[in-house]
Amino acid sequence: MLPHRDSGRVRRFWLVGTPQEPIPYLQVQEMQGELAMTTAPYLNAQAVFYSQYEQVRRDEVVGILLALFLGGFGVHHFYLRRTGLGVLYACFCWTPFPWVLGFIECFFMPGRVREFNAIQAAGIAAALGISMPGFGQPVNVTVNMPPTTNMPPATSAPPVGQPGTLAACARCQKTNPVGAKFCSGCGAAL
């Protein structure tokens, strides 16, 4: 809880929490009035992810324009933190080769910027210890195929997964081994 001073009296309110059980991120020590960290690692890991990702992400249009107009100096490589190539282009900027390559590379910049952003997002998610938001776990999909002439027709028994396949939890969509009785993510019965 954080104190809120209002005309000399102190009111306490929760910074973050769920309706069932509030979880404070910062607490005030009663004696000294200092802020102390709790054991909760983050307010919301996805919110922290998106705030950090917005600081490091690059824009595709900016990359294209840099490659098109300043590609001879290698500015588009500096933009994507490819310092070595940027220095190489800058060393040879007086020749036509980096200018021609910069024009050609402006067509490849959207893919390179997307790759750069994906690498940055994966690094941030790994540092936070979460899976990448927006990229869910793979879902087990069963494809119905007609029986071949050599095999007898299928019985009314439920299909059994192939060895090594994963089954998705209906509640949280987390993948689990086929033989599991409970979901490893939410604990629901499979």
C-alpha atoms as a PDB file:
ATOM      1  CA  MET A   1       0.000   0.000   0.000  1.00  0.00           C
ATOM      2  CA  LEU A   2       1.092   3.531  -0.613  1.00  0.00           C
ATOM      3  CA  PRO A   3       0.167   6.390   1.658  1.00  0.00           C
ATOM      4  CA  HIS A   4      -1.877   9.214   0.261  1.00  0.00           C
ATOM      5  CA  ARG A   5      -1.688  12.369   2.318  1.00  0.00           C
ATOM      6  CA  ASP A   6      -4.859  14.383   2.341  1.00  0.00           C
ATOM      7  CA  SER A   7      -5.077  17.328   4.759  1.00  0.00           C
ATOM      8  CA  GLY A   8      -2.861  15.806   7.428  1.00  0.00           C
ATOM      9  CA  ARG A   9      -4.347  12.299   7.557  1.00  0.00           C
ATOM     10  CA  VAL A  10      -3.021   9.275   5.727  1.00  0.00           C
ATOM     11  CA  ARG A  11      -5.227   7.105   3.539  1.00  0.00           C
ATOM     12  CA  ARG A  12      -3.915   3.812   2.194  1.00  0.00           C
ATOM     13  CA  PHE A  13      -4.727   2.335  -1.192  1.00  0.00           C
ATOM     14  CA  TRP A  14      -3.440  -0.563  -3.265  1.00  0.00           C
ATOM     15  CA  LEU A  15      -1.385   0.200  -6.352  1.00  0.00           C
ATOM     16  CA  VAL A  16      -2.083  -3.046  -8.178  1.00  0.00           C
ATOM     17  CA  GLY A  17      -4.165  -6.091  -7.446  1.00  0.00           C
ATOM     18  CA  THR A  18      -6.921  -8.405  -8.376  1.00  0.00           C
ATOM     19  CA  PRO A  19     -10.444  -8.248  -7.004  1.00  0.00           C
ATOM     20  CA  GLN A  20      -9.858 -11.429  -4.981  1.00  0.00           C
ATOM     21  CA  GLU A  21      -6.569 -10.555  -3.328  1.00  0.00           C
ATOM     22  CA  PRO A  22      -4.683  -7.286  -3.744  1.00  0.00           C
ATOM     23  CA  ILE A  23      -0.956  -7.628  -4.419  1.00  0.00           C
ATOM     24  CA  PRO A  24       1.022  -4.488  -3.587  1.00  0.00           C
ATOM     25  CA  TYR A  25       4.108  -3.681  -5.595  1.00  0.00           C
ATOM     26  CA  LEU A  26       5.529  -1.145  -3.197  1.00  0.00           C
ATOM     27  CA  GLN A  27       4.913  -1.055   0.521  1.00  0.00           C
ATOM     28  CA  VAL A  28       5.601   1.684   3.029  1.00  0.00           C
ATOM     29  CA  GLN A  29       7.501   0.687   6.124  1.00  0.00           C
ATOM     30  CA  GLU A  30       5.507   1.964   9.058  1.00  0.00           C
ATOM     31  CA  MET A  31       8.418   3.221  11.162  1.00  0.00           C
ATOM     32  CA  GLN A  32      10.711   4.965   8.675  1.00  0.00           C
ATOM     33  CA  GLY A  33       8.250   5.848   5.900  1.00  0.00           C
ATOM     34  CA  GLU A  34      10.592   4.446   3.238  1.00  0.00           C
ATOM     35  CA  LEU A  35       9.472   2.532   0.178  1.00  0.00           C
ATOM     36  CA  ALA A  36      10.349  -1.165   0.209  1.00  0.00           C
ATOM     37  CA  MET A  37      10.084  -3.686  -2.594  1.00  0.00           C
ATOM     38  CA  THR A  38       7.880  -6.720  -2.191  1.00  0.00           C
ATOM     39  CA  THR A  39       8.441 -10.167  -3.618  1.00  0.00           C
ATOM     40  CA  ALA A  40       6.206  -9.461  -6.638  1.00  0.00           C
ATOM     41  CA  PRO A  41       8.687  -9.118  -9.539  1.00  0.00           C
ATOM     42  CA  TYR A  42       6.662  -6.766 -11.766  1.00  0.00           C
ATOM     43  CA  LEU A  43       3.350  -4.990 -11.764  1.00  0.00           C
ATOM     44  CA  ASN A  44       2.405  -6.624 -15.029  1.00  0.00           C
ATOM     45  CA  ALA A  45       5.117  -8.423 -16.988  1.00  0.00           C
ATOM     46  CA  GLN A  46       3.399  -7.788 -20.317  1.00  0.00           C
ATOM     47  CA  ALA A  47       3.121  -4.065 -19.592  1.00  0.00           C
ATOM     48  CA  VAL A  48       6.830  -3.961 -18.751  1.00  0.00           C
ATOM     49  CA  PHE A  49       7.558  -5.912 -21.946  1.00  0.00           C
ATOM     50  CA  TYR A  50       5.595  -3.512 -24.145  1.00  0.00           C
ATOM     51  CA  SER A  51       7.090  -0.406 -22.531  1.00  0.00           C
ATOM     52  CA  GLN A  52      10.638  -1.711 -23.047  1.00  0.00           C
ATOM     53  CA  TYR A  53       9.849  -2.957 -26.560  1.00  0.00           C
ATOM     54  CA  GLU A  54       8.516   0.437 -27.639  1.00  0.00           C
ATOM     55  CA  GLN A  55      11.825   1.993 -26.593  1.00  0.00           C
ATOM     56  CA  VAL A  56      13.986  -0.308 -28.747  1.00  0.00           C
ATOM     57  CA  ARG A  57      11.786  -1.108 -31.752  1.00  0.00           C
ATOM     58  CA  ARG A  58      12.599   0.326 -35.168  1.00  0.00           C
ATOM     59  CA  ASP A  59      10.210   1.586 -37.839  1.00  0.00           C
ATOM     60  CA  GLU A  60      10.206   0.018 -41.318  1.00  0.00           C
ATOM     61  CA  VAL A  61       9.495   3.264 -43.170  1.00  0.00           C
ATOM     62  CA  VAL A  62      12.384   5.037 -41.454  1.00  0.00           C
ATOM     63  CA  GLY A  63      14.688   2.151 -42.419  1.00  0.00           C
ATOM     64  CA  ILE A  64      13.582   2.340 -46.054  1.00  0.00           C
ATOM     65  CA  LEU A  65      14.083   6.106 -46.215  1.00  0.00           C
ATOM     66  CA  LEU A  66      17.506   5.901 -44.575  1.00  0.00           C
ATOM     67  CA  ALA A  67      18.628   3.216 -47.032  1.00  0.00           C
ATOM     68  CA  LEU A  68      17.259   5.150 -49.986  1.00  0.00           C
ATOM     69  CA  PHE A  69      18.618   8.609 -49.219  1.00  0.00           C
ATOM     70  CA  LEU A  70      21.576   8.006 -46.870  1.00  0.00           C
ATOM     71  CA  GLY A  71      22.465   4.434 -47.841  1.00  0.00           C
ATOM     72  CA  GLY A  72      25.820   5.446 -49.289  1.00  0.00           C
ATOM     73  CA  PHE A  73      26.953   6.556 -45.833  1.00  0.00           C
ATOM     74  CA  GLY A  74      25.642   3.341 -44.215  1.00  0.00           C
ATOM     75  CA  VAL A  75      23.192   5.143 -41.946  1.00  0.00           C
ATOM     76  CA  HIS A  76      20.606   2.387 -42.406  1.00  0.00           C
ATOM     77  CA  HIS A  77      23.105  -0.112 -40.966  1.00  0.00           C
ATOM     78  CA  PHE A  78      23.770   2.116 -37.952  1.00  0.00           C
ATOM     79  CA  TYR A  79      19.972   2.329 -37.507  1.00  0.00           C
ATOM     80  CA  LEU A  80      19.823  -1.464 -37.101  1.00  0.00           C
ATOM     81  CA  ARG A  81      22.941  -1.526 -34.874  1.00  0.00           C
ATOM     82  CA  ARG A  82      25.130  -3.066 -37.565  1.00  0.00           C
ATOM     83  CA  THR A  83      28.070  -0.843 -36.771  1.00  0.00           C
ATOM     84  CA  GLY A  84      30.651  -2.807 -38.749  1.00  0.00           C
ATOM     85  CA  LEU A  85      28.749  -2.547 -42.021  1.00  0.00           C
ATOM     86  CA  GLY A  86      27.929   1.086 -41.311  1.00  0.00           C
ATOM     87  CA  VAL A  87      31.607   1.925 -40.891  1.00  0.00           C
ATOM     88  CA  LEU A  88      32.474  -0.025 -44.055  1.00  0.00           C
ATOM     89  CA  TYR A  89      29.872   1.906 -46.070  1.00  0.00           C
ATOM     90  CA  ALA A  90      31.112   5.197 -44.578  1.00  0.00           C
ATOM     91  CA  CYS A  91      34.717   4.392 -45.547  1.00  0.00           C
ATOM     92  CA  PHE A  92      33.724   3.819 -49.169  1.00  0.00           C
ATOM     93  CA  CYS A  93      31.033   6.511 -49.422  1.00  0.00           C
ATOM     94  CA  TRP A  94      33.079   8.386 -52.029  1.00  0.00           C
ATOM     95  CA  THR A  95      32.636   5.466 -54.462  1.00  0.00           C
ATOM     96  CA  PRO A  96      29.343   4.610 -56.173  1.00  0.00           C
ATOM     97  CA  PHE A  97      29.215   1.076 -54.706  1.00  0.00           C
ATOM     98  CA  PRO A  98      27.649   1.882 -51.313  1.00  0.00           C
ATOM     99  CA  TRP A  99      25.123   4.187 -52.996  1.00  0.00           C
ATOM    100  CA  VAL A 100      24.012   1.472 -55.400  1.00  0.00           C
ATOM    101  CA  LEU A 101      23.907  -1.090 -52.588  1.00  0.00           C
ATOM    102  CA  GLY A 102      21.952   1.347 -50.406  1.00  0.00           C
ATOM    103  CA  PHE A 103      19.350   1.710 -53.149  1.00  0.00           C
ATOM    104  CA  ILE A 104      19.098  -2.074 -53.533  1.00  0.00           C
ATOM    105  CA  GLU A 105      18.955  -2.608 -49.764  1.00  0.00           C
ATOM    106  CA  CYS A 106      16.000  -0.259 -49.374  1.00  0.00           C
ATOM    107  CA  PHE A 107      13.880  -3.083 -50.812  1.00  0.00           C
ATOM    108  CA  PHE A 108      15.166  -5.499 -48.159  1.00  0.00           C
ATOM    109  CA  MET A 109      14.848  -3.114 -45.220  1.00  0.00           C
ATOM    110  CA  PRO A 110      11.283  -4.048 -44.138  1.00  0.00           C
ATOM    111  CA  GLY A 111      12.333  -7.663 -43.589  1.00  0.00           C
ATOM    112  CA  ARG A 112      15.527  -6.639 -41.814  1.00  0.00           C
ATOM    113  CA  VAL A 113      13.660  -4.238 -39.538  1.00  0.00           C
ATOM    114  CA  ARG A 114      11.094  -6.949 -38.714  1.00  0.00           C
ATOM    115  CA  GLU A 115      13.923  -9.363 -37.932  1.00  0.00           C
ATOM    116  CA  PHE A 116      15.634  -6.760 -35.730  1.00  0.00           C
ATOM    117  CA  ASN A 117      12.371  -6.098 -33.869  1.00  0.00           C
ATOM    118  CA  ALA A 118      11.745  -9.824 -33.371  1.00  0.00           C
ATOM    119  CA  ILE A 119      15.236 -10.321 -31.947  1.00  0.00           C
ATOM    120  CA  GLN A 120      14.768  -7.385 -29.594  1.00  0.00           C
ATOM    121  CA  ALA A 121      11.356  -8.676 -28.474  1.00  0.00           C
ATOM    122  CA  ALA A 122      12.757 -12.155 -27.820  1.00  0.00           C
ATOM    123  CA  GLY A 123      15.600 -10.692 -25.773  1.00  0.00           C
ATOM    124  CA  ILE A 124      13.276  -8.568 -23.662  1.00  0.00           C
ATOM    125  CA  ALA A 125      10.889 -11.478 -23.095  1.00  0.00           C
ATOM    126  CA  ALA A 126      13.771 -13.745 -22.100  1.00  0.00           C
ATOM    127  CA  ALA A 127      15.109 -11.130 -19.687  1.00  0.00           C
ATOM    128  CA  LEU A 128      11.669 -10.845 -18.083  1.00  0.00           C
ATOM    129  CA  GLY A 129      11.231 -14.616 -18.017  1.00  0.00           C
ATOM    130  CA  ILE A 130       7.976 -14.619 -19.984  1.00  0.00           C
ATOM    131  CA  SER A 131       6.929 -16.008 -23.332  1.00  0.00           C
ATOM    132  CA  MET A 132       6.619 -13.440 -26.072  1.00  0.00           C
ATOM    133  CA  PRO A 133       3.225 -11.742 -25.792  1.00  0.00           C
ATOM    134  CA  GLY A 134       1.140 -12.163 -28.902  1.00  0.00           C
ATOM    135  CA  PHE A 135       2.821 -15.437 -29.779  1.00  0.00           C
ATOM    136  CA  GLY A 136       0.835 -18.193 -28.104  1.00  0.00           C
ATOM    137  CA  GLN A 137       1.838 -21.762 -27.556  1.00  0.00           C
ATOM    138  CA  PRO A 138       1.297 -24.098 -30.513  1.00  0.00           C
ATOM    139  CA  VAL A 139      -2.093 -25.743 -30.532  1.00  0.00           C
ATOM    140  CA  ASN A 140      -2.538 -29.417 -31.331  1.00  0.00           C
ATOM    141  CA  VAL A 141      -4.594 -29.639 -34.522  1.00  0.00           C
ATOM    142  CA  THR A 142      -6.046 -32.933 -35.704  1.00  0.00           C
ATOM    143  CA  VAL A 143      -6.471 -33.240 -39.461  1.00  0.00           C
ATOM    144  CA  ASN A 144      -9.228 -35.571 -40.652  1.00  0.00           C
ATOM    145  CA  MET A 145      -8.008 -37.593 -43.596  1.00  0.00           C
ATOM    146  CA  PRO A 146     -10.008 -40.225 -45.492  1.00  0.00           C
ATOM    147  CA  PRO A 147      -8.921 -43.812 -44.773  1.00  0.00           C
ATOM    148  CA  THR A 148      -6.762 -45.525 -47.351  1.00  0.00           C
ATOM    149  CA  THR A 149      -7.938 -48.661 -49.121  1.00  0.00           C
ATOM    150  CA  ASN A 150      -5.452 -50.902 -47.301  1.00  0.00           C
ATOM    151  CA  MET A 151      -6.591 -49.892 -43.820  1.00  0.00           C
ATOM    152  CA  PRO A 152      -9.892 -50.879 -42.171  1.00  0.00           C
ATOM    153  CA  PRO A 153     -12.352 -48.048 -41.496  1.00  0.00           C
ATOM    154  CA  ALA A 154     -11.893 -46.169 -38.246  1.00  0.00           C
ATOM    155  CA  THR A 155     -13.848 -47.273 -35.197  1.00  0.00           C
ATOM    156  CA  SER A 156     -15.868 -44.998 -32.962  1.00  0.00           C
ATOM    157  CA  ALA A 157     -13.029 -44.854 -30.400  1.00  0.00           C
ATOM    158  CA  PRO A 158     -11.630 -41.372 -29.757  1.00  0.00           C
ATOM    159  CA  PRO A 159      -8.466 -40.578 -31.720  1.00  0.00           C
ATOM    160  CA  VAL A 160      -5.214 -41.089 -29.872  1.00  0.00           C
ATOM    161  CA  GLY A 161      -2.417 -38.574 -30.457  1.00  0.00           C
ATOM    162  CA  GLN A 162       0.744 -39.581 -32.195  1.00  0.00           C
ATOM    163  CA  PRO A 163       3.748 -40.261 -29.982  1.00  0.00           C
ATOM    164  CA  GLY A 164       5.536 -37.030 -29.152  1.00  0.00           C
ATOM    165  CA  THR A 165       2.570 -34.738 -29.883  1.00  0.00           C
ATOM    166  CA  LEU A 166       1.244 -32.211 -27.406  1.00  0.00           C
ATOM    167  CA  ALA A 167      -2.336 -31.573 -26.310  1.00  0.00           C
ATOM    168  CA  ALA A 168      -3.599 -28.045 -25.659  1.00  0.00           C
ATOM    169  CA  CYS A 169      -5.515 -27.167 -22.497  1.00  0.00           C
ATOM    170  CA  ALA A 170      -9.003 -25.910 -23.289  1.00  0.00           C
ATOM    171  CA  ARG A 171      -8.833 -23.381 -20.461  1.00  0.00           C
ATOM    172  CA  CYS A 172      -5.416 -21.705 -20.845  1.00  0.00           C
ATOM    173  CA  GLN A 173      -4.232 -23.049 -24.257  1.00  0.00           C
ATOM    174  CA  LYS A 174      -0.923 -24.267 -22.758  1.00  0.00           C
ATOM    175  CA  THR A 175       0.454 -27.372 -24.423  1.00  0.00           C
ATOM    176  CA  ASN A 176       0.860 -30.518 -22.342  1.00  0.00           C
ATOM    177  CA  PRO A 177       2.105 -34.043 -23.051  1.00  0.00           C
ATOM    178  CA  VAL A 178      -0.612 -36.369 -24.343  1.00  0.00           C
ATOM    179  CA  GLY A 179      -0.647 -38.617 -21.248  1.00  0.00           C
ATOM    180  CA  ALA A 180      -0.957 -35.736 -18.756  1.00  0.00           C
ATOM    181  CA  LYS A 181      -4.036 -35.699 -16.547  1.00  0.00           C
ATOM    182  CA  PHE A 182      -3.710 -32.077 -15.429  1.00  0.00           C
ATOM    183  CA  CYS A 183      -2.573 -28.895 -17.190  1.00  0.00           C
ATOM    184  CA  SER A 184       0.916 -27.742 -16.197  1.00  0.00           C
ATOM    185  CA  GLY A 185      -0.148 -24.089 -16.577  1.00  0.00           C
ATOM    186  CA  CYS A 186      -3.478 -23.739 -14.788  1.00  0.00           C
ATOM    187  CA  GLY A 187      -3.893 -27.122 -13.074  1.00  0.00           C
ATOM    188  CA  ALA A 188      -7.239 -27.886 -14.731  1.00  0.00           C
ATOM    189  CA  ALA A 189      -8.100 -31.484 -15.547  1.00  0.00           C
ATOM    190  CA  LEU A 190      -7.430 -32.407 -19.148  1.00  0.00           C
END
